[in-house]
Structures are given as C-alpha cells and as structure tokens.
C-alpha cells in the first residue's frame, strides 16, 4: 500500500485544486482531475457525470461566482488506490457537508465520486454523544 499520508495529501491537494476558480474555469484543467467514470450526487439532488459537471462548472464560471472555502477536511486511505475525504464547504450563504472518493489511475489521483449535502447553522457540528 502507498504511504497513507502521501495518498491522503495527494487527494486533498486535488480537492483544493477543484475549488480554485482558475481550475473551475478551465475545461481541460477540470477534466484532468476527474476520473473517466466520475459521478456526483450534487447538493441539489442532481446526478452529474464527468461531461455534465465540466460543462456546468465552466459555463457557470463565466458569470459571477462566489468563492468557495473548505474546512474540517479529513481523509483516510481505504485501499492502495482509494482515498475517502470528508469536509465542509461554504460559498456565500450556501453550506454543504462533502464526501469524496479519489482513485489512483495511471499514477494520478482522480476524483471518482462526490456527494454534497446542504446543511444549516444548527447542523454545522456533529452532535456529542
């Protein structure tokens, strides 16, 4: 198995790249971070594939887009070629819990699956107990 710290670090680096406005505005740079079989359950409930998310994000970027910040990112290597990340994002008043699976393919860590779930202030931190 690859060093878990290296694998998780590479997945986190990829995740932060996906939040970068310069990456989100470039179809080529965005597509290079997504696995060919990428799927996402978006915050809206929509199912996205690689082509549809690249088209939507790059078209959306042409209009005014609020910056996205990430917090509480954690990761674990589940297998030699699989890393799971969890984190929260905030963009204006929009907040979401996020879960991503990153797969190693031909030496590159690529986003294989992503899910976002909207949350409000009362849901920000896990319940004690």
N, C-alpha and C. Protein backbone atom coordinates (compact mmCIF):
# COMPACT_ATOMS: atom_id res chain seq x y z
N UNK A 1 0.86 -1.18 0.00
CA UNK A 1 0.00 0.00 0.00
C UNK A 1 0.90 1.24 0.00
N UNK A 2 0.49 2.26 -0.73
CA UNK A 2 1.22 3.51 -0.72
C UNK A 2 1.12 4.12 0.67
N UNK A 3 2.04 5.03 0.97
CA UNK A 3 2.02 5.70 2.26
C UNK A 3 0.69 6.44 2.41
N UNK A 4 -0.10 6.11 3.45
CA UNK A 4 -1.42 6.76 3.61
C UNK A 4 -1.33 8.29 3.66
N UNK A 5 -0.30 8.82 4.29
CA UNK A 5 -0.18 10.28 4.38
C UNK A 5 0.02 10.88 2.99
N UNK A 6 0.83 10.23 2.14
CA UNK A 6 1.04 10.72 0.79
C UNK A 6 -0.24 10.64 -0.04
N UNK A 7 -0.95 9.52 0.07
CA UNK A 7 -2.18 9.33 -0.69
C UNK A 7 -3.24 10.34 -0.27
N UNK A 8 -3.44 10.49 1.02
CA UNK A 8 -4.44 11.44 1.52
C UNK A 8 -4.03 12.87 1.13
N UNK A 9 -2.76 13.18 1.25
CA UNK A 9 -2.26 14.51 0.88
C UNK A 9 -2.50 14.81 -0.60
N UNK A 10 -2.27 13.81 -1.45
CA UNK A 10 -2.49 14.00 -2.88
C UNK A 10 -3.98 14.21 -3.17
N UNK A 11 -4.84 13.46 -2.51
CA UNK A 11 -6.29 13.64 -2.70
C UNK A 11 -6.72 15.02 -2.21
N UNK A 12 -6.21 15.45 -1.07
CA UNK A 12 -6.56 16.78 -0.56
C UNK A 12 -6.08 17.87 -1.51
N UNK A 13 -4.89 17.71 -2.04
CA UNK A 13 -4.37 18.68 -3.00
C UNK A 13 -5.29 18.76 -4.22
N UNK A 14 -5.74 17.60 -4.70
CA UNK A 14 -6.68 17.59 -5.82
C UNK A 14 -7.99 18.26 -5.48
N UNK A 15 -8.50 18.00 -4.28
CA UNK A 15 -9.77 18.61 -3.85
C UNK A 15 -9.65 20.12 -3.78
N UNK A 16 -8.55 20.63 -3.20
CA UNK A 16 -8.36 22.08 -3.14
C UNK A 16 -8.21 22.66 -4.54
N UNK A 17 -7.58 21.93 -5.45
CA UNK A 17 -7.46 22.40 -6.84
C UNK A 17 -8.84 22.56 -7.46
N UNK A 18 -9.75 21.62 -7.17
CA UNK A 18 -11.09 21.70 -7.73
C UNK A 18 -11.88 22.91 -7.23
N UNK A 19 -11.47 23.48 -6.10
CA UNK A 19 -12.13 24.67 -5.56
C UNK A 19 -11.52 25.96 -6.11
N UNK A 20 -10.40 25.86 -6.79
CA UNK A 20 -9.67 27.01 -7.33
C UNK A 20 -10.43 27.57 -8.54
N UNK A 21 -10.78 28.86 -8.51
CA UNK A 21 -11.52 29.44 -9.65
C UNK A 21 -10.80 29.27 -10.99
N UNK A 22 -9.48 29.30 -11.00
CA UNK A 22 -8.74 29.12 -12.26
C UNK A 22 -8.95 27.72 -12.83
N UNK A 23 -9.01 26.72 -11.96
CA UNK A 23 -9.25 25.35 -12.40
C UNK A 23 -10.70 25.19 -12.83
N UNK A 24 -11.61 25.74 -12.06
CA UNK A 24 -13.04 25.61 -12.35
C UNK A 24 -13.43 26.31 -13.66
N UNK A 25 -12.63 27.26 -14.12
CA UNK A 25 -12.94 27.97 -15.36
C UNK A 25 -12.29 27.31 -16.58
N UNK A 26 -11.49 26.28 -16.37
CA UNK A 26 -10.78 25.63 -17.47
C UNK A 26 -11.28 24.20 -17.68
N UNK A 27 -11.97 23.94 -18.78
CA UNK A 27 -12.45 22.58 -19.02
C UNK A 27 -11.32 21.54 -19.00
N UNK A 28 -10.18 21.87 -19.57
CA UNK A 28 -9.06 20.92 -19.60
C UNK A 28 -8.51 20.64 -18.22
N UNK A 29 -8.26 21.69 -17.44
CA UNK A 29 -7.71 21.50 -16.08
C UNK A 29 -8.70 20.77 -15.19
N UNK A 30 -9.96 21.09 -15.31
CA UNK A 30 -11.01 20.45 -14.52
C UNK A 30 -11.12 18.97 -14.89
N UNK A 31 -11.18 18.67 -16.16
CA UNK A 31 -11.33 17.28 -16.61
C UNK A 31 -10.14 16.43 -16.21
N UNK A 32 -8.94 17.01 -16.14
CA UNK A 32 -7.74 16.24 -15.75
C UNK A 32 -7.80 15.75 -14.32
N UNK A 33 -8.66 16.34 -13.48
CA UNK A 33 -8.78 15.92 -12.09
C UNK A 33 -9.92 14.93 -11.86
N UNK A 34 -10.72 14.69 -12.90
CA UNK A 34 -11.90 13.83 -12.76
C UNK A 34 -11.66 12.48 -13.43
N UNK A 35 -11.99 11.42 -12.72
CA UNK A 35 -11.89 10.06 -13.24
C UNK A 35 -12.84 9.93 -14.44
N UNK A 36 -12.50 9.11 -15.44
CA UNK A 36 -13.41 8.94 -16.58
C UNK A 36 -14.81 8.47 -16.20
N UNK A 37 -14.94 7.74 -15.08
CA UNK A 37 -16.24 7.25 -14.63
C UNK A 37 -16.82 8.10 -13.50
N UNK A 38 -16.37 9.34 -13.37
CA UNK A 38 -16.82 10.25 -12.30
C UNK A 38 -18.35 10.34 -12.24
N UNK A 39 -18.85 10.36 -11.00
CA UNK A 39 -20.27 10.61 -10.72
C UNK A 39 -20.36 11.50 -9.48
N UNK A 40 -21.41 12.31 -9.44
CA UNK A 40 -21.64 13.18 -8.27
C UNK A 40 -23.13 13.25 -8.00
N UNK A 41 -23.47 13.14 -6.70
CA UNK A 41 -24.81 13.49 -6.23
C UNK A 41 -24.66 14.90 -5.68
N UNK A 42 -25.16 15.88 -6.41
CA UNK A 42 -24.99 17.27 -6.02
C UNK A 42 -25.89 17.68 -4.88
N UNK A 43 -25.60 18.82 -4.29
CA UNK A 43 -26.40 19.37 -3.21
C UNK A 43 -27.86 19.53 -3.66
N UNK A 44 -28.05 19.80 -4.94
CA UNK A 44 -29.40 19.98 -5.49
C UNK A 44 -30.15 18.66 -5.63
N UNK A 45 -29.42 17.54 -5.52
CA UNK A 45 -30.03 16.24 -5.74
C UNK A 45 -29.78 15.71 -7.14
N UNK A 46 -29.21 16.53 -7.99
CA UNK A 46 -28.94 16.14 -9.37
C UNK A 46 -27.77 15.15 -9.44
N UNK A 47 -27.86 14.20 -10.36
CA UNK A 47 -26.76 13.28 -10.63
C UNK A 47 -25.95 13.85 -11.79
N UNK A 48 -24.65 13.99 -11.56
CA UNK A 48 -23.73 14.54 -12.55
C UNK A 48 -22.77 13.46 -13.01
N UNK A 49 -22.36 13.54 -14.28
CA UNK A 49 -21.24 12.72 -14.75
C UNK A 49 -20.11 13.68 -15.13
N UNK A 50 -19.03 13.12 -15.60
CA UNK A 50 -17.84 13.93 -15.89
C UNK A 50 -18.15 15.05 -16.90
N UNK A 51 -18.75 14.70 -18.02
CA UNK A 51 -19.01 15.71 -19.05
C UNK A 51 -19.97 16.79 -18.58
N UNK A 52 -21.03 16.39 -17.89
CA UNK A 52 -22.04 17.38 -17.47
C UNK A 52 -21.50 18.32 -16.40
N UNK A 53 -20.67 17.82 -15.48
CA UNK A 53 -20.14 18.71 -14.43
C UNK A 53 -19.09 19.67 -15.01
N UNK A 54 -18.28 19.19 -15.94
CA UNK A 54 -17.30 20.08 -16.59
C UNK A 54 -18.04 21.19 -17.34
N UNK A 55 -19.06 20.83 -18.10
CA UNK A 55 -19.82 21.83 -18.85
C UNK A 55 -20.50 22.83 -17.92
N UNK A 56 -21.11 22.35 -16.85
CA UNK A 56 -21.83 23.23 -15.93
C UNK A 56 -20.90 24.16 -15.18
N UNK A 57 -19.80 23.62 -14.66
CA UNK A 57 -18.89 24.46 -13.88
C UNK A 57 -18.20 25.51 -14.74
N UNK A 58 -17.79 25.14 -15.92
CA UNK A 58 -17.10 26.12 -16.77
C UNK A 58 -18.06 27.16 -17.32
N UNK A 59 -19.31 26.78 -17.60
CA UNK A 59 -20.31 27.76 -18.05
C UNK A 59 -20.69 28.69 -16.90
N UNK A 60 -20.87 28.11 -15.71
CA UNK A 60 -21.25 28.89 -14.54
C UNK A 60 -20.14 29.89 -14.19
N UNK A 61 -18.89 29.49 -14.41
CA UNK A 61 -17.79 30.37 -14.05
C UNK A 61 -17.79 31.65 -14.87
N UNK A 62 -18.38 31.59 -16.05
CA UNK A 62 -18.43 32.78 -16.88
C UNK A 62 -19.25 33.89 -16.20
N UNK A 63 -20.22 33.51 -15.40
CA UNK A 63 -20.98 34.51 -14.64
C UNK A 63 -20.30 34.70 -13.28
N UNK A 64 -20.82 35.61 -12.50
CA UNK A 64 -20.24 35.87 -11.18
C UNK A 64 -20.38 34.64 -10.28
N UNK A 65 -19.27 34.18 -9.77
CA UNK A 65 -19.25 33.01 -8.90
C UNK A 65 -18.64 33.41 -7.57
N UNK A 66 -19.30 33.02 -6.49
CA UNK A 66 -18.78 33.32 -5.16
C UNK A 66 -17.61 32.38 -4.87
N UNK A 67 -16.61 32.86 -4.12
CA UNK A 67 -15.51 31.97 -3.73
C UNK A 67 -16.03 30.84 -2.83
N UNK A 68 -15.36 29.71 -2.91
CA UNK A 68 -15.72 28.54 -2.10
C UNK A 68 -14.58 28.29 -1.12
N UNK A 69 -14.94 28.17 0.16
CA UNK A 69 -13.93 27.82 1.16
C UNK A 69 -14.24 26.45 1.73
N UNK A 70 -13.18 25.72 2.07
CA UNK A 70 -13.33 24.38 2.64
C UNK A 70 -12.79 24.39 4.06
N UNK A 71 -13.42 23.59 4.91
CA UNK A 71 -12.97 23.46 6.29
C UNK A 71 -13.16 22.02 6.75
N UNK A 72 -12.51 21.69 7.84
CA UNK A 72 -12.64 20.39 8.52
C UNK A 72 -12.35 19.21 7.58
N UNK A 73 -11.41 19.38 6.66
CA UNK A 73 -11.10 18.29 5.73
C UNK A 73 -10.30 17.21 6.44
N UNK A 74 -10.77 15.97 6.27
CA UNK A 74 -10.09 14.80 6.81
C UNK A 74 -10.09 13.73 5.74
N UNK A 75 -9.11 12.84 5.82
CA UNK A 75 -9.07 11.77 4.83
C UNK A 75 -8.52 10.49 5.41
N UNK A 76 -8.84 9.39 4.73
CA UNK A 76 -8.34 8.08 5.11
C UNK A 76 -8.14 7.27 3.82
N UNK A 77 -7.04 6.53 3.78
CA UNK A 77 -6.79 5.66 2.65
C UNK A 77 -7.49 4.33 2.92
N UNK A 78 -8.44 3.98 2.05
CA UNK A 78 -9.24 2.77 2.23
C UNK A 78 -8.62 1.55 1.57
N UNK A 79 -7.83 1.77 0.53
CA UNK A 79 -7.17 0.71 -0.23
C UNK A 79 -5.97 1.35 -0.93
N UNK A 80 -5.09 0.56 -1.53
CA UNK A 80 -3.92 1.15 -2.18
C UNK A 80 -4.27 2.21 -3.22
N UNK A 81 -5.43 2.09 -3.86
CA UNK A 81 -5.82 3.03 -4.91
C UNK A 81 -7.07 3.83 -4.58
N UNK A 82 -7.42 3.97 -3.29
CA UNK A 82 -8.67 4.63 -2.92
C UNK A 82 -8.52 5.45 -1.64
N UNK A 83 -8.90 6.72 -1.72
CA UNK A 83 -8.88 7.63 -0.57
C UNK A 83 -10.27 8.24 -0.42
N UNK A 84 -10.74 8.32 0.84
CA UNK A 84 -12.02 8.95 1.16
C UNK A 84 -11.75 10.25 1.90
N UNK A 85 -12.32 11.35 1.41
CA UNK A 85 -12.22 12.65 2.07
C UNK A 85 -13.60 13.10 2.53
N UNK A 86 -13.65 13.76 3.67
CA UNK A 86 -14.85 14.45 4.13
C UNK A 86 -14.46 15.86 4.51
N UNK A 87 -15.36 16.81 4.24
CA UNK A 87 -15.09 18.21 4.55
C UNK A 87 -16.37 19.00 4.40
N UNK A 88 -16.32 20.26 4.78
CA UNK A 88 -17.44 21.18 4.61
C UNK A 88 -17.02 22.29 3.67
N UNK A 89 -17.98 22.83 2.93
CA UNK A 89 -17.72 24.00 2.09
C UNK A 89 -18.72 25.09 2.41
N UNK A 90 -18.30 26.31 2.10
CA UNK A 90 -19.16 27.47 2.26
C UNK A 90 -18.92 28.40 1.08
N UNK A 91 -20.01 28.86 0.49
CA UNK A 91 -19.96 29.81 -0.61
C UNK A 91 -21.13 30.75 -0.42
N UNK A 92 -20.83 31.95 0.06
CA UNK A 92 -21.90 32.88 0.43
C UNK A 92 -22.71 32.26 1.56
N UNK A 93 -24.01 32.16 1.39
CA UNK A 93 -24.88 31.56 2.42
C UNK A 93 -25.04 30.06 2.24
N UNK A 94 -24.42 29.50 1.20
CA UNK A 94 -24.56 28.08 0.90
C UNK A 94 -23.49 27.26 1.62
N UNK A 95 -23.93 26.30 2.43
CA UNK A 95 -23.01 25.44 3.18
C UNK A 95 -23.35 23.98 2.87
N UNK A 96 -22.29 23.15 2.78
CA UNK A 96 -22.54 21.74 2.46
C UNK A 96 -21.50 20.85 3.14
N UNK A 97 -21.97 19.70 3.62
CA UNK A 97 -21.08 18.62 4.01
C UNK A 97 -20.72 17.90 2.72
N UNK A 98 -19.46 17.48 2.59
CA UNK A 98 -19.00 16.87 1.35
C UNK A 98 -18.25 15.57 1.64
N UNK A 99 -18.37 14.64 0.71
CA UNK A 99 -17.70 13.36 0.78
C UNK A 99 -17.18 13.04 -0.62
N UNK A 100 -15.89 12.69 -0.71
CA UNK A 100 -15.27 12.40 -2.00
C UNK A 100 -14.47 11.12 -1.94
N UNK A 101 -14.52 10.38 -3.04
CA UNK A 101 -13.66 9.21 -3.23
C UNK A 101 -12.69 9.52 -4.35
N UNK A 102 -11.41 9.36 -4.06
CA UNK A 102 -10.34 9.59 -5.02
C UNK A 102 -9.68 8.26 -5.35
N UNK A 103 -9.51 7.98 -6.66
CA UNK A 103 -8.90 6.73 -7.10
C UNK A 103 -7.60 7.02 -7.83
N UNK A 104 -6.63 6.16 -7.59
CA UNK A 104 -5.34 6.24 -8.26
C UNK A 104 -5.47 5.56 -9.62
N UNK A 105 -5.19 6.29 -10.69
CA UNK A 105 -5.28 5.76 -12.05
C UNK A 105 -4.05 6.21 -12.83
N UNK A 106 -3.25 5.26 -13.24
CA UNK A 106 -2.04 5.56 -14.02
C UNK A 106 -1.15 6.59 -13.33
N UNK A 107 -1.02 6.48 -12.01
CA UNK A 107 -0.14 7.35 -11.24
C UNK A 107 -0.75 8.67 -10.80
N UNK A 108 -2.00 8.94 -11.17
CA UNK A 108 -2.67 10.19 -10.80
C UNK A 108 -3.87 9.91 -9.91
N UNK A 109 -4.06 10.74 -8.88
CA UNK A 109 -5.24 10.65 -8.03
C UNK A 109 -6.35 11.46 -8.69
N UNK A 110 -7.46 10.79 -9.01
CA UNK A 110 -8.58 11.42 -9.71
C UNK A 110 -9.86 11.27 -8.90
N UNK A 111 -10.69 12.30 -8.95
CA UNK A 111 -11.96 12.28 -8.24
C UNK A 111 -12.90 11.31 -8.94
N UNK A 112 -13.30 10.27 -8.21
CA UNK A 112 -14.14 9.20 -8.75
C UNK A 112 -15.61 9.43 -8.40
N UNK A 113 -15.87 9.86 -7.15
CA UNK A 113 -17.24 10.06 -6.69
C UNK A 113 -17.28 11.21 -5.70
N UNK A 114 -18.35 12.00 -5.77
CA UNK A 114 -18.50 13.13 -4.85
C UNK A 114 -19.98 13.28 -4.49
N UNK A 115 -20.21 13.64 -3.22
CA UNK A 115 -21.58 13.92 -2.79
C UNK A 115 -21.56 15.14 -1.89
N UNK A 116 -22.53 16.03 -2.10
CA UNK A 116 -22.69 17.20 -1.26
C UNK A 116 -24.07 17.20 -0.63
N UNK A 117 -24.15 17.58 0.64
CA UNK A 117 -25.42 17.64 1.36
C UNK A 117 -25.52 19.00 2.04
N UNK A 118 -26.52 19.77 1.66
CA UNK A 118 -26.75 21.10 2.26
C UNK A 118 -26.96 20.97 3.77
N UNK A 119 -26.43 21.94 4.52
CA UNK A 119 -26.73 22.00 5.95
C UNK A 119 -26.85 23.44 6.41
N UNK A 120 -27.59 23.61 7.51
CA UNK A 120 -27.78 24.92 8.11
C UNK A 120 -26.91 25.07 9.35
N UNK A 121 -27.00 26.19 9.98
CA UNK A 121 -26.20 26.51 11.17
C UNK A 121 -26.36 25.46 12.26
N UNK A 122 -27.58 24.98 12.46
CA UNK A 122 -27.84 24.00 13.53
C UNK A 122 -27.19 22.66 13.24
N UNK A 123 -26.81 22.41 11.98
CA UNK A 123 -26.21 21.14 11.60
C UNK A 123 -24.69 21.22 11.41
N UNK A 124 -24.09 22.34 11.79
CA UNK A 124 -22.68 22.58 11.48
C UNK A 124 -21.73 21.62 12.16
N UNK A 125 -21.95 21.26 13.39
CA UNK A 125 -21.03 20.40 14.11
C UNK A 125 -21.73 19.10 14.48
N UNK A 126 -20.97 17.99 14.53
CA UNK A 126 -21.58 16.72 14.92
C UNK A 126 -22.12 16.79 16.35
N UNK A 127 -23.22 16.08 16.59
CA UNK A 127 -23.79 16.03 17.94
C UNK A 127 -22.87 15.26 18.89
N UNK A 128 -22.80 15.69 20.11
CA UNK A 128 -22.00 14.98 21.11
C UNK A 128 -22.72 13.72 21.54
N UNK A 129 -21.90 12.74 21.91
CA UNK A 129 -22.53 11.56 22.49
C UNK A 129 -22.41 10.41 21.67
